[in-house]
Amino acid sequence: MKDTDRNGSPDQLEARIADARRRQQGKEAKPRVSDGLSGNFMGAAFRIGVELVAALVVSVGFGWLLDRWFGTRPWLMVAFFFLGSAAGMMNVYRVANGMGLAAGFKKPGGAGSDEA
């Protein structure tokens, strides 16, 4: 900045402040270009991960508890690991195809639809 800029009149200072505010408001007023799909993909990816991990954790935990109760360590935990893996993969398949959106969800015009 030059010394002449610093020693300007108060009117010039007010004009510069008003100009800076207009420019700042112009930047904020511009809409951000986004189609919103990246958030949807991130949400779906997070849900798929949670579905898979939750199925494994619940099934292995259940197998571990049954092993402790029956004294068959580690056979039931191994068996329930594979069952949990299958359940997790089935949940991932349902999420990827859109079948897990709501209870009783049917796609319009699909097989088994009552609409003509």
PDB file of N, CA and C in Angstrom:
ATOM      1  N   MET A   1       0.826  -1.175   0.000  1.00  0.00           N
ATOM      2  CA  MET A   1       0.000   0.000   0.000  1.00  0.00           C
ATOM      3  C   MET A   1       0.867   1.233   0.000  1.00  0.00           C
ATOM      4  N   LYS A   2       0.456   2.204  -0.741  1.00  0.00           N
ATOM      5  CA  LYS A   2       1.185   3.466  -0.770  1.00  0.00           C
ATOM      6  C   LYS A   2       0.746   4.334   0.393  1.00  0.00           C
ATOM      7  N   ASP A   3       1.584   5.313   0.738  1.00  0.00           N
ATOM      8  CA  ASP A   3       1.241   6.236   1.817  1.00  0.00           C
ATOM      9  C   ASP A   3       0.016   7.066   1.465  1.00  0.00           C
ATOM     10  N   THR A   4      -0.170   7.338   0.178  1.00  0.00           N
ATOM     11  CA  THR A   4      -1.323   8.149  -0.209  1.00  0.00           C
ATOM     12  C   THR A   4      -2.623   7.385   0.023  1.00  0.00           C
ATOM     13  N   ASP A   5      -2.585   6.037  -0.080  1.00  0.00           N
ATOM     14  CA  ASP A   5      -3.779   5.234   0.186  1.00  0.00           C
ATOM     15  C   ASP A   5      -4.143   5.279   1.657  1.00  0.00           C
ATOM     16  N   ARG A   6      -3.136   5.277   2.516  1.00  0.00           N
ATOM     17  CA  ARG A   6      -3.399   5.286   3.954  1.00  0.00           C
ATOM     18  C   ARG A   6      -3.909   6.631   4.448  1.00  0.00           C
ATOM     19  N   ASN A   7      -3.487   7.699   3.796  1.00  0.00           N
ATOM     20  CA  ASN A   7      -3.835   9.031   4.256  1.00  0.00           C
ATOM     21  C   ASN A   7      -5.030   9.615   3.516  1.00  0.00           C
ATOM     22  N   GLY A   8      -5.869   8.761   2.926  1.00  0.00           N
ATOM     23  CA  GLY A   8      -7.033   9.251   2.201  1.00  0.00           C
ATOM     24  C   GLY A   8      -8.066   9.811   3.159  1.00  0.00           C
ATOM     25  N   SER A   9      -9.047  10.440   2.601  1.00  0.00           N
ATOM     26  CA  SER A   9     -10.096  11.043   3.414  1.00  0.00           C
ATOM     27  C   SER A   9     -11.037   9.968   3.949  1.00  0.00           C
ATOM     28  N   PRO A  10     -11.782  10.270   4.997  1.00  0.00           N
ATOM     29  CA  PRO A  10     -12.752   9.296   5.521  1.00  0.00           C
ATOM     30  C   PRO A  10     -13.796   8.884   4.488  1.00  0.00           C
ATOM     31  N   ASP A  11     -14.137   9.784   3.575  1.00  0.00           N
ATOM     32  CA  ASP A  11     -15.095   9.433   2.523  1.00  0.00           C
ATOM     33  C   ASP A  11     -14.528   8.334   1.618  1.00  0.00           C
ATOM     34  N   GLN A  12     -13.250   8.438   1.297  1.00  0.00           N
ATOM     35  CA  GLN A  12     -12.616   7.409   0.468  1.00  0.00           C
ATOM     36  C   GLN A  12     -12.570   6.068   1.220  1.00  0.00           C
ATOM     37  N   LEU A  13     -12.298   6.148   2.512  1.00  0.00           N
ATOM     38  CA  LEU A  13     -12.254   4.929   3.315  1.00  0.00           C
ATOM     39  C   LEU A  13     -13.627   4.258   3.347  1.00  0.00           C
ATOM     40  N   GLU A  14     -14.675   5.036   3.544  1.00  0.00           N
ATOM     41  CA  GLU A  14     -16.026   4.482   3.552  1.00  0.00           C
ATOM     42  C   GLU A  14     -16.386   3.874   2.204  1.00  0.00           C
ATOM     43  N   ALA A  15     -15.962   4.521   1.127  1.00  0.00           N
ATOM     44  CA  ALA A  15     -16.228   3.995  -0.213  1.00  0.00           C
ATOM     45  C   ALA A  15     -15.500   2.675  -0.427  1.00  0.00           C
ATOM     46  N   ARG A  16     -14.257   2.587   0.051  1.00  0.00           N
ATOM     47  CA  ARG A  16     -13.500   1.338  -0.094  1.00  0.00           C
ATOM     48  C   ARG A  16     -14.121   0.212   0.741  1.00  0.00           C
ATOM     49  N   ILE A  17     -14.594   0.545   1.945  1.00  0.00           N
ATOM     50  CA  ILE A  17     -15.237  -0.459   2.790  1.00  0.00           C
ATOM     51  C   ILE A  17     -16.531  -0.952   2.138  1.00  0.00           C
ATOM     52  N   ALA A  18     -17.316  -0.037   1.607  1.00  0.00           N
ATOM     53  CA  ALA A  18     -18.567  -0.415   0.940  1.00  0.00           C
ATOM     54  C   ALA A  18     -18.283  -1.287  -0.283  1.00  0.00           C
ATOM     55  N   ASP A  19     -17.240  -0.944  -1.029  1.00  0.00           N
ATOM     56  CA  ASP A  19     -16.868  -1.734  -2.204  1.00  0.00           C
ATOM     57  C   ASP A  19     -16.435  -3.151  -1.792  1.00  0.00           C
ATOM     58  N   ALA A  20     -15.656  -3.237  -0.723  1.00  0.00           N
ATOM     59  CA  ALA A  20     -15.211  -4.546  -0.242  1.00  0.00           C
ATOM     60  C   ALA A  20     -16.403  -5.387   0.229  1.00  0.00           C
ATOM     61  N   ARG A  21     -17.364  -4.747   0.886  1.00  0.00           N
ATOM     62  CA  ARG A  21     -18.553  -5.480   1.337  1.00  0.00           C
ATOM     63  C   ARG A  21     -19.369  -5.981   0.152  1.00  0.00           C
ATOM     64  N   ARG A  22     -19.499  -5.175  -0.899  1.00  0.00           N
ATOM     65  CA  ARG A  22     -20.234  -5.601  -2.091  1.00  0.00           C
ATOM     66  C   ARG A  22     -19.555  -6.796  -2.748  1.00  0.00           C
ATOM     67  N   ARG A  23     -18.225  -6.731  -2.824  1.00  0.00           N
ATOM     68  CA  ARG A  23     -17.500  -7.853  -3.419  1.00  0.00           C
ATOM     69  C   ARG A  23     -17.651  -9.114  -2.575  1.00  0.00           C
ATOM     70  N   GLN A  24     -17.604  -8.971  -1.257  1.00  0.00           N
ATOM     71  CA  GLN A  24     -17.755 -10.129  -0.370  1.00  0.00           C
ATOM     72  C   GLN A  24     -19.150 -10.724  -0.495  1.00  0.00           C
ATOM     73  N   GLN A  25     -20.175  -9.908  -0.549  1.00  0.00           N
ATOM     74  CA  GLN A  25     -21.542 -10.406  -0.697  1.00  0.00           C
ATOM     75  C   GLN A  25     -21.724 -11.073  -2.053  1.00  0.00           C
ATOM     76  N   GLY A  26     -21.053 -10.577  -3.071  1.00  0.00           N
ATOM     77  CA  GLY A  26     -21.129 -11.187  -4.395  1.00  0.00           C
ATOM     78  C   GLY A  26     -20.548 -12.576  -4.411  1.00  0.00           C
ATOM     79  N   LYS A  27     -19.484 -12.791  -3.640  1.00  0.00           N
ATOM     80  CA  LYS A  27     -18.871 -14.120  -3.575  1.00  0.00           C
ATOM     81  C   LYS A  27     -19.780 -15.096  -2.853  1.00  0.00           C
ATOM     82  N   GLU A  28     -20.424 -14.651  -1.789  1.00  0.00           N
ATOM     83  CA  GLU A  28     -21.301 -15.530  -1.021  1.00  0.00           C
ATOM     84  C   GLU A  28     -22.598 -15.816  -1.764  1.00  0.00           C
ATOM     85  N   ALA A  29     -23.026 -14.901  -2.608  1.00  0.00           N
ATOM     86  CA  ALA A  29     -24.298 -15.068  -3.302  1.00  0.00           C
ATOM     87  C   ALA A  29     -24.205 -16.090  -4.433  1.00  0.00           C
ATOM     88  N   LYS A  30     -22.983 -16.376  -4.914  1.00  0.00           N
ATOM     89  CA  LYS A  30     -22.848 -17.333  -5.999  1.00  0.00           C
ATOM     90  C   LYS A  30     -23.170 -18.733  -5.475  1.00  0.00           C
ATOM     91  N   PRO A  31     -24.067 -19.432  -6.156  1.00  0.00           N
ATOM     92  CA  PRO A  31     -24.389 -20.791  -5.691  1.00  0.00           C
ATOM     93  C   PRO A  31     -23.229 -21.735  -5.964  1.00  0.00           C
ATOM     94  N   ARG A  32     -23.024 -22.626  -5.042  1.00  0.00           N
ATOM     95  CA  ARG A  32     -21.977 -23.622  -5.206  1.00  0.00           C
ATOM     96  C   ARG A  32     -22.483 -24.679  -6.170  1.00  0.00           C
ATOM     97  N   VAL A  33     -21.692 -25.007  -7.163  1.00  0.00           N
ATOM     98  CA  VAL A  33     -22.112 -25.967  -8.167  1.00  0.00           C
ATOM     99  C   VAL A  33     -21.913 -27.368  -7.602  1.00  0.00           C
ATOM    100  N   SER A  34     -23.020 -28.019  -7.307  1.00  0.00           N
ATOM    101  CA  SER A  34     -22.980 -29.377  -6.792  1.00  0.00           C
ATOM    102  C   SER A  34     -24.317 -30.029  -7.095  1.00  0.00           C
ATOM    103  N   ASP A  35     -24.255 -31.260  -7.549  1.00  0.00           N
ATOM    104  CA  ASP A  35     -25.491 -31.960  -7.846  1.00  0.00           C
ATOM    105  C   ASP A  35     -25.983 -32.789  -6.667  1.00  0.00           C
ATOM    106  N   GLY A  36     -25.231 -32.812  -5.576  1.00  0.00           N
ATOM    107  CA  GLY A  36     -25.651 -33.530  -4.382  1.00  0.00           C
ATOM    108  C   GLY A  36     -25.418 -35.025  -4.453  1.00  0.00           C
ATOM    109  N   LEU A  37     -24.841 -35.510  -5.532  1.00  0.00           N
ATOM    110  CA  LEU A  37     -24.646 -36.947  -5.670  1.00  0.00           C
ATOM    111  C   LEU A  37     -23.490 -37.459  -4.833  1.00  0.00           C
ATOM    112  N   SER A  38     -22.476 -36.648  -4.612  1.00  0.00           N
ATOM    113  CA  SER A  38     -21.326 -37.128  -3.854  1.00  0.00           C
ATOM    114  C   SER A  38     -21.735 -37.454  -2.423  1.00  0.00           C
ATOM    115  N   GLY A  39     -22.633 -36.667  -1.839  1.00  0.00           N
ATOM    116  CA  GLY A  39     -23.133 -36.970  -0.501  1.00  0.00           C
ATOM    117  C   GLY A  39     -23.939 -38.252  -0.481  1.00  0.00           C
ATOM    118  N   ASN A  40     -24.724 -38.487  -1.524  1.00  0.00           N
ATOM    119  CA  ASN A  40     -25.506 -39.719  -1.600  1.00  0.00           C
ATOM    120  C   ASN A  40     -24.602 -40.939  -1.709  1.00  0.00           C
ATOM    121  N   PHE A  41     -23.540 -40.824  -2.508  1.00  0.00           N
ATOM    122  CA  PHE A  41     -22.619 -41.948  -2.658  1.00  0.00           C
ATOM    123  C   PHE A  41     -21.859 -42.214  -1.367  1.00  0.00           C
ATOM    124  N   MET A  42     -21.461 -41.158  -0.677  1.00  0.00           N
ATOM    125  CA  MET A  42     -20.755 -41.334   0.586  1.00  0.00           C
ATOM    126  C   MET A  42     -21.675 -41.974   1.623  1.00  0.00           C
ATOM    127  N   GLY A  43     -22.927 -41.554   1.656  1.00  0.00           N
ATOM    128  CA  GLY A  43     -23.885 -42.141   2.586  1.00  0.00           C
ATOM    129  C   GLY A  43     -24.119 -43.613   2.293  1.00  0.00           C
ATOM    130  N   ALA A  44     -24.236 -43.956   1.016  1.00  0.00           N
ATOM    131  CA  ALA A  44     -24.445 -45.356   0.637  1.00  0.00           C
ATOM    132  C   ALA A  44     -23.214 -46.190   0.969  1.00  0.00           C
ATOM    133  N   ALA A  45     -22.030 -45.655   0.724  1.00  0.00           N
ATOM    134  CA  ALA A  45     -20.804 -46.391   1.033  1.00  0.00           C
ATOM    135  C   ALA A  45     -20.674 -46.613   2.541  1.00  0.00           C
ATOM    136  N   PHE A  46     -20.998 -45.598   3.323  1.00  0.00           N
ATOM    137  CA  PHE A  46     -20.937 -45.743   4.773  1.00  0.00           C
ATOM    138  C   PHE A  46     -21.950 -46.773   5.249  1.00  0.00           C
ATOM    139  N   ARG A  47     -23.140 -46.740   4.683  1.00  0.00           N
ATOM    140  CA  ARG A  47     -24.181 -47.700   5.093  1.00  0.00           C
ATOM    141  C   ARG A  47     -23.769 -49.118   4.740  1.00  0.00           C
ATOM    142  N   ILE A  48     -23.177 -49.313   3.567  1.00  0.00           N
ATOM    143  CA  ILE A  48     -22.736 -50.646   3.160  1.00  0.00           C
ATOM    144  C   ILE A  48     -21.677 -51.166   4.123  1.00  0.00           C
ATOM    145  N   GLY A  49     -20.731 -50.318   4.485  1.00  0.00           N
ATOM    146  CA  GLY A  49     -19.697 -50.730   5.429  1.00  0.00           C
ATOM    147  C   GLY A  49     -20.267 -51.086   6.784  1.00  0.00           C
ATOM    148  N   VAL A  50     -21.200 -50.272   7.263  1.00  0.00           N
ATOM    149  CA  VAL A  50     -21.811 -50.537   8.570  1.00  0.00           C
ATOM    150  C   VAL A  50     -22.629 -51.821   8.528  1.00  0.00           C
ATOM    151  N   GLU A  51     -23.364 -52.048   7.453  1.00  0.00           N
ATOM    152  CA  GLU A  51     -24.167 -53.268   7.335  1.00  0.00           C
ATOM    153  C   GLU A  51     -23.283 -54.510   7.393  1.00  0.00           C
ATOM    154  N   LEU A  52     -22.172 -54.484   6.674  1.00  0.00           N
ATOM    155  CA  LEU A  52     -21.287 -55.641   6.625  1.00  0.00           C
ATOM    156  C   LEU A  52     -20.625 -55.893   7.981  1.00  0.00           C
ATOM    157  N   VAL A  53     -20.086 -54.844   8.585  1.00  0.00           N
ATOM    158  CA  VAL A  53     -19.396 -54.998   9.866  1.00  0.00           C
ATOM    159  C   VAL A  53     -20.377 -55.382  10.974  1.00  0.00           C
ATOM    160  N   ALA A  54     -21.552 -54.779  10.977  1.00  0.00           N
ATOM    161  CA  ALA A  54     -22.536 -55.088  12.021  1.00  0.00           C
ATOM    162  C   ALA A  54     -22.971 -56.544  11.951  1.00  0.00           C
ATOM    163  N   ALA A  55     -23.194 -57.062  10.751  1.00  0.00           N
ATOM    164  CA  ALA A  55     -23.600 -58.462  10.620  1.00  0.00           C
ATOM    165  C   ALA A  55     -22.503 -59.386  11.142  1.00  0.00           C
ATOM    166  N   LEU A  56     -21.254 -59.060  10.846  1.00  0.00           N
ATOM    167  CA  LEU A  56     -20.155 -59.897  11.324  1.00  0.00           C
ATOM    168  C   LEU A  56     -20.002 -59.824  12.843  1.00  0.00           C
ATOM    169  N   VAL A  57     -20.060 -58.627  13.395  1.00  0.00           N
ATOM    170  CA  VAL A  57     -19.873 -58.457  14.836  1.00  0.00           C
ATOM    171  C   VAL A  57     -20.975 -59.167  15.611  1.00  0.00           C
ATOM    172  N   VAL A  58     -22.205 -58.996  15.190  1.00  0.00           N
ATOM    173  CA  VAL A  58     -23.323 -59.624  15.900  1.00  0.00           C
ATOM    174  C   VAL A  58     -23.239 -61.140  15.805  1.00  0.00           C
ATOM    175  N   SER A  59     -22.973 -61.659  14.631  1.00  0.00           N
ATOM    176  CA  SER A  59     -22.950 -63.114  14.475  1.00  0.00           C
ATOM    177  C   SER A  59     -21.761 -63.743  15.198  1.00  0.00           C
ATOM    178  N   VAL A  60     -20.578 -63.139  15.121  1.00  0.00           N
ATOM    179  CA  VAL A  60     -19.422 -63.692  15.832  1.00  0.00           C
ATOM    180  C   VAL A  60     -19.630 -63.585  17.340  1.00  0.00           C
ATOM    181  N   GLY A  61     -20.205 -62.496  17.807  1.00  0.00           N
ATOM    182  CA  GLY A  61     -20.498 -62.360  19.233  1.00  0.00           C
ATOM    183  C   GLY A  61     -21.487 -63.407  19.708  1.00  0.00           C
ATOM    184  N   PHE A  62     -22.505 -63.650  18.921  1.00  0.00           N
ATOM    185  CA  PHE A  62     -23.489 -64.673  19.267  1.00  0.00           C
ATOM    186  C   PHE A  62     -22.846 -66.058  19.284  1.00  0.00           C
ATOM    187  N   GLY A  63     -21.998 -66.344  18.300  1.00  0.00           N
ATOM    188  CA  GLY A  63     -21.287 -67.623  18.262  1.00  0.00           C
ATOM    189  C   GLY A  63     -20.350 -67.782  19.447  1.00  0.00           C
ATOM    190  N   TRP A  64     -19.682 -66.715  19.839  1.00  0.00           N
ATOM    191  CA  TRP A  64     -18.776 -66.760  20.987  1.00  0.00           C
ATOM    192  C   TRP A  64     -19.558 -67.061  22.275  1.00  0.00           C
ATOM    193  N   LEU A  65     -20.714 -66.383  22.428  1.00  0.00           N
ATOM    194  CA  LEU A  65     -21.535 -66.644  23.617  1.00  0.00           C
ATOM    195  C   LEU A  65     -22.040 -68.089  23.653  1.00  0.00           C
ATOM    196  N   LEU A  66     -22.480 -68.605  22.524  1.00  0.00           N
ATOM    197  CA  LEU A  66     -22.934 -69.995  22.475  1.00  0.00           C
ATOM    198  C   LEU A  66     -21.787 -70.965  22.748  1.00  0.00           C
ATOM    199  N   ASP A  67     -20.601 -70.645  22.245  1.00  0.00           N
ATOM    200  CA  ASP A  67     -19.427 -71.471  22.527  1.00  0.00           C
ATOM    201  C   ASP A  67     -19.129 -71.525  24.016  1.00  0.00           C
ATOM    202  N   ARG A  68     -19.224 -70.397  24.685  1.00  0.00           N
ATOM    203  CA  ARG A  68     -18.978 -70.375  26.132  1.00  0.00           C
ATOM    204  C   ARG A  68     -20.040 -71.166  26.885  1.00  0.00           C
ATOM    205  N   TRP A  69     -21.269 -71.072  26.425  1.00  0.00           N
ATOM    206  CA  TRP A  69     -22.371 -71.742  27.100  1.00  0.00           C
ATOM    207  C   TRP A  69     -22.300 -73.260  26.917  1.00  0.00           C
ATOM    208  N   PHE A  70     -22.042 -73.696  25.673  1.00  0.00           N
ATOM    209  CA  PHE A  70     -22.012 -75.130  25.378  1.00  0.00           C
ATOM    210  C   PHE A  70     -20.626 -75.758  25.536  1.00  0.00           C
ATOM    211  N   GLY A  71     -19.581 -74.949  25.636  1.00  0.00           N
ATOM    212  CA  GLY A  71     -18.223 -75.470  25.757  1.00  0.00           C
ATOM    213  C   GLY A  71     -17.692 -76.058  24.461  1.00  0.00           C
ATOM    214  N   THR A  72     -18.100 -75.542  23.335  1.00  0.00           N
ATOM    215  CA  THR A  72     -17.680 -76.062  22.027  1.00  0.00           C
ATOM    216  C   THR A  72     -16.667 -75.154  21.352  1.00  0.00           C
ATOM    217  N   ARG A  73     -15.933 -74.415  22.124  1.00  0.00           N
ATOM    218  CA  ARG A  73     -15.017 -73.406  21.609  1.00  0.00           C
ATOM    219  C   ARG A  73     -14.117 -73.984  20.539  1.00  0.00           C
ATOM    220  N   PRO A  74     -13.850 -73.456  19.401  1.00  0.00           N
ATOM    221  CA  PRO A  74     -14.326 -72.273  18.698  1.00  0.00           C
ATOM    222  C   PRO A  74     -15.307 -72.588  17.584  1.00  0.00           C
ATOM    223  N   TRP A  75     -15.896 -73.760  17.575  1.00  0.00           N
ATOM    224  CA  TRP A  75     -16.647 -74.216  16.409  1.00  0.00           C
ATOM    225  C   TRP A  75     -17.889 -73.385  16.116  1.00  0.00           C
ATOM    226  N   LEU A  76     -18.658 -73.041  17.096  1.00  0.00           N
ATOM    227  CA  LEU A  76     -19.858 -72.244  16.818  1.00  0.00           C
ATOM    228  C   LEU A  76     -19.498 -70.823  16.390  1.00  0.00           C
ATOM    229  N   MET A  77     -18.408 -70.277  16.943  1.00  0.00           N
ATOM    230  CA  MET A  77     -17.987 -68.941  16.524  1.00  0.00           C
ATOM    231  C   MET A  77     -17.570 -68.948  15.052  1.00  0.00           C
ATOM    232  N   VAL A  78     -16.882 -69.984  14.627  1.00  0.00           N
ATOM    233  CA  VAL A  78     -16.477 -70.096  13.221  1.00  0.00           C
ATOM    234  C   VAL A  78     -17.710 -70.258  12.329  1.00  0.00           C
ATOM    235  N   ALA A  79     -18.630 -71.099  12.756  1.00  0.00           N
ATOM    236  CA  ALA A  79     -19.850 -71.310  11.963  1.00  0.00           C
ATOM    237  C   ALA A  79     -20.654 -70.018  11.850  1.00  0.00           C
ATOM    238  N   PHE A  80     -20.784 -69.293  12.970  1.00  0.00           N
ATOM    239  CA  PHE A  80     -21.542 -68.046  12.929  1.00  0.00           C
ATOM    240  C   PHE A  80     -20.796 -66.943  12.180  1.00  0.00           C
ATOM    241  N   PHE A  81     -19.464 -67.045  12.105  1.00  0.00           N
ATOM    242  CA  PHE A  81     -18.707 -66.097  11.274  1.00  0.00           C
ATOM    243  C   PHE A  81     -19.135 -66.224   9.826  1.00  0.00           C
ATOM    244  N   PHE A  82     -19.227 -67.461   9.337  1.00  0.00           N
ATOM    245  CA  PHE A  82     -19.632 -67.662   7.942  1.00  0.00           C
ATOM    246  C   PHE A  82     -21.098 -67.276   7.727  1.00  0.00           C
ATOM    247  N   LEU A  83     -21.952 -67.563   8.692  1.00  0.00           N
ATOM    248  CA  LEU A  83     -23.345 -67.128   8.580  1.00  0.00           C
ATOM    249  C   LEU A  83     -23.444 -65.597   8.575  1.00  0.00           C
ATOM    250  N   GLY A  84     -22.670 -64.944   9.423  1.00  0.00           N
ATOM    251  CA  GLY A  84     -22.659 -63.479   9.464  1.00  0.00           C
ATOM    252  C   GLY A  84     -22.104 -62.878   8.187  1.00  0.00           C
ATOM    253  N   SER A  85     -21.096 -63.532   7.618  1.00  0.00           N
ATOM    254  CA  SER A  85     -20.552 -63.055   6.338  1.00  0.00           C
ATOM    255  C   SER A  85     -21.609 -63.135   5.245  1.00  0.00           C
ATOM    256  N   ALA A  86     -22.334 -64.250   5.213  1.00  0.00           N
ATOM    257  CA  ALA A  86     -23.397 -64.399   4.211  1.00  0.00           C
ATOM    258  C   ALA A  86     -24.498 -63.361   4.433  1.00  0.00           C
ATOM    259  N   ALA A  87     -24.876 -63.142   5.695  1.00  0.00           N
ATOM    260  CA  ALA A  87     -25.911 -62.145   5.991  1.00  0.00           C
ATOM    261  C   ALA A  87     -25.439 -60.739   5.618  1.00  0.00           C
ATOM    262  N   GLY A  88     -24.180 -60.438   5.899  1.00  0.00           N
ATOM    263  CA  GLY A  88     -23.633 -59.123   5.540  1.00  0.00           C
ATOM    264  C   GLY A  88     -23.613 -58.906   4.033  1.00  0.00           C
ATOM    265  N   MET A  89     -23.209 -59.933   3.285  1.00  0.00           N
ATOM    266  CA  MET A  89     -23.199 -59.823   1.822  1.00  0.00           C
ATOM    267  C   MET A  89     -24.620 -59.669   1.278  1.00  0.00           C
ATOM    268  N   MET A  90     -25.570 -60.361   1.887  1.00  0.00           N
ATOM    269  CA  MET A  90     -26.963 -60.223   1.457  1.00  0.00           C
ATOM    270  C   MET A  90     -27.468 -58.798   1.740  1.00  0.00           C
ATOM    271  N   ASN A  91     -27.093 -58.241   2.885  1.00  0.00           N
ATOM    272  CA  ASN A  91     -27.477 -56.861   3.193  1.00  0.00           C
ATOM    273  C   ASN A  91     -26.850 -55.883   2.214  1.00  0.00           C
ATOM    274  N   VAL A  92     -25.590 -56.104   1.862  1.00  0.00           N
ATOM    275  CA  VAL A  92     -24.920 -55.235   0.885  1.00  0.00           C
ATOM    276  C   VAL A  92     -25.630 -55.328  -0.457  1.00  0.00           C
ATOM    277  N   TYR A  93     -26.005 -56.517  -0.867  1.00  0.00           N
ATOM    278  CA  TYR A  93     -26.735 -56.707  -2.128  1.00  0.00           C
ATOM    279  C   TYR A  93     -28.070 -55.972  -2.096  1.00  0.00           C
ATOM    280  N   ARG A  94     -28.777 -56.058  -0.977  1.00  0.00           N
ATOM    281  CA  ARG A  94     -30.065 -55.381  -0.855  1.00  0.00           C
ATOM    282  C   ARG A  94     -29.902 -53.867  -0.911  1.00  0.00           C
ATOM    283  N   VAL A  95     -28.876 -53.345  -0.255  1.00  0.00           N
ATOM    284  CA  VAL A  95     -28.639 -51.893  -0.279  1.00  0.00           C
ATOM    285  C   VAL A  95     -28.266 -51.448  -1.691  1.00  0.00           C
ATOM    286  N   ALA A  96     -27.409 -52.217  -2.357  1.00  0.00           N
ATOM    287  CA  ALA A  96     -26.953 -51.840  -3.700  1.00  0.00           C
ATOM    288  C   ALA A  96     -28.103 -51.856  -4.704  1.00  0.00           C
ATOM    289  N   ASN A  97     -29.056 -52.729  -4.526  1.00  0.00           N
ATOM    290  CA  ASN A  97     -30.199 -52.795  -5.442  1.00  0.00           C
ATOM    291  C   ASN A  97     -31.366 -51.930  -5.013  1.00  0.00           C
ATOM    292  N   GLY A  98     -31.267 -51.276  -3.878  1.00  0.00           N
ATOM    293  CA  GLY A  98     -32.339 -50.410  -3.425  1.00  0.00           C
ATOM    294  C   GLY A  98     -33.480 -51.147  -2.767  1.00  0.00           C
ATOM    295  N   MET A  99     -33.283 -52.404  -2.416  1.00  0.00           N
ATOM    296  CA  MET A  99     -34.360 -53.169  -1.800  1.00  0.00           C
ATOM    297  C   MET A  99     -34.467 -52.905  -0.308  1.00  0.00           C
ATOM    298  N   GLY A 100     -33.440 -52.348   0.302  1.00  0.00           N
ATOM    299  CA  GLY A 100     -33.459 -52.150   1.740  1.00  0.00           C
ATOM    300  C   GLY A 100     -33.894 -50.760   2.143  1.00  0.00           C
ATOM    301  N   LEU A 101     -34.676 -50.088   1.328  1.00  0.00           N
ATOM    302  CA  LEU A 101     -35.041 -48.703   1.620  1.00  0.00           C
ATOM    303  C   LEU A 101     -36.085 -48.599   2.721  1.00  0.00           C
ATOM    304  N   ALA A 102     -37.046 -49.480   2.741  1.00  0.00           N
ATOM    305  CA  ALA A 102     -38.103 -49.425   3.759  1.00  0.00           C
ATOM    306  C   ALA A 102     -38.759 -50.791   3.848  1.00  0.00           C
ATOM    307  N   ALA A 103     -39.411 -51.036   4.943  1.00  0.00           N
ATOM    308  CA  ALA A 103     -40.112 -52.306   5.109  1.00  0.00           C
ATOM    309  C   ALA A 103     -41.260 -52.386   4.112  1.00  0.00           C
ATOM    310  N   GLY A 104     -41.339 -53.479   3.395  1.00  0.00           N
ATOM    311  CA  GLY A 104     -42.415 -53.663   2.428  1.00  0.00           C
ATOM    312  C   GLY A 104     -42.230 -52.853   1.159  1.00  0.00           C
ATOM    313  N   PHE A 105     -41.028 -52.414   0.884  1.00  0.00           N
ATOM    314  CA  PHE A 105     -40.775 -51.585  -0.300  1.00  0.00           C
ATOM    315  C   PHE A 105     -40.861 -52.430  -1.558  1.00  0.00           C
ATOM    316  N   LYS A 106     -41.663 -51.953  -2.501  1.00  0.00           N
ATOM    317  CA  LYS A 106     -41.741 -52.587  -3.813  1.00  0.00           C
ATOM    318  C   LYS A 106     -41.565 -51.507  -4.860  1.00  0.00           C
ATOM    319  N   LYS A 107     -40.783 -51.811  -5.879  1.00  0.00           N
ATOM    320  CA  LYS A 107     -40.617 -50.869  -6.972  1.00  0.00           C
ATOM    321  C   LYS A 107     -41.886 -50.855  -7.814  1.00  0.00           C
ATOM    322  N   PRO A 108     -42.358 -49.669  -8.202  1.00  0.00           N
ATOM    323  CA  PRO A 108     -43.578 -49.625  -9.015  1.00  0.00           C
ATOM    324  C   PRO A 108     -43.379 -50.291 -10.355  1.00  0.00           C
ATOM    325  N   GLY A 109     -44.364 -51.097 -10.749  1.00  0.00           N
ATOM    326  CA  GLY A 109     -44.328 -51.759 -12.040  1.00  0.00           C
ATOM    327  C   GLY A 109     -43.456 -52.998 -12.052  1.00  0.00           C
ATOM    328  N   GLY A 110     -42.884 -53.373 -10.912  1.00  0.00           N
ATOM    329  CA  GLY A 110     -42.027 -54.554 -10.838  1.00  0.00           C
ATOM    330  C   GLY A 110     -42.843 -55.813 -10.689  1.00  0.00           C
ATOM    331  N   ALA A 111     -42.159 -56.905 -10.567  1.00  0.00           N
ATOM    332  CA  ALA A 111     -42.827 -58.206 -10.396  1.00  0.00           C
ATOM    333  C   ALA A 111     -43.592 -58.204  -9.080  1.00  0.00           C
ATOM    334  N   GLY A 112     -44.782 -58.730  -9.100  1.00  0.00           N
ATOM    335  CA  GLY A 112     -45.598 -58.812  -7.893  1.00  0.00           C
ATOM    336  C   GLY A 112     -46.335 -57.519  -7.593  1.00  0.00           C
ATOM    337  N   SER A 113     -46.328 -56.594  -8.521  1.00  0.00           N
ATOM    338  CA  SER A 113     -47.019 -55.334  -8.309  1.00  0.00           C
ATOM    339  C   SER A 113     -48.475 -55.465  -8.673  1.00  0.00           C
ATOM    340  N   ASP A 114     -49.348 -54.839  -7.902  1.00  0.00           N
ATOM    341  CA  ASP A 114     -50.784 -54.898  -8.149  1.00  0.00           C
ATOM    342  C   ASP A 114     -51.236 -53.858  -9.160  1.00  0.00           C
ATOM    343  N   GLU A 115     -50.341 -52.955  -9.531  1.00  0.00           N
ATOM    344  CA  GLU A 115     -50.727 -51.890 -10.468  1.00  0.00           C
ATOM    345  C   GLU A 115     -50.833 -52.447 -11.875  1.00  0.00           C
ATOM    346  N   ALA A 116     -51.746 -51.934 -12.660  1.00  0.00           N
ATOM    347  CA  ALA A 116     -51.940 -52.398 -14.028  1.00  0.00           C
ATOM    348  C   ALA A 116     -51.263 -51.486 -15.011  1.00  0.00           C
TER     349      ALA A 116
END
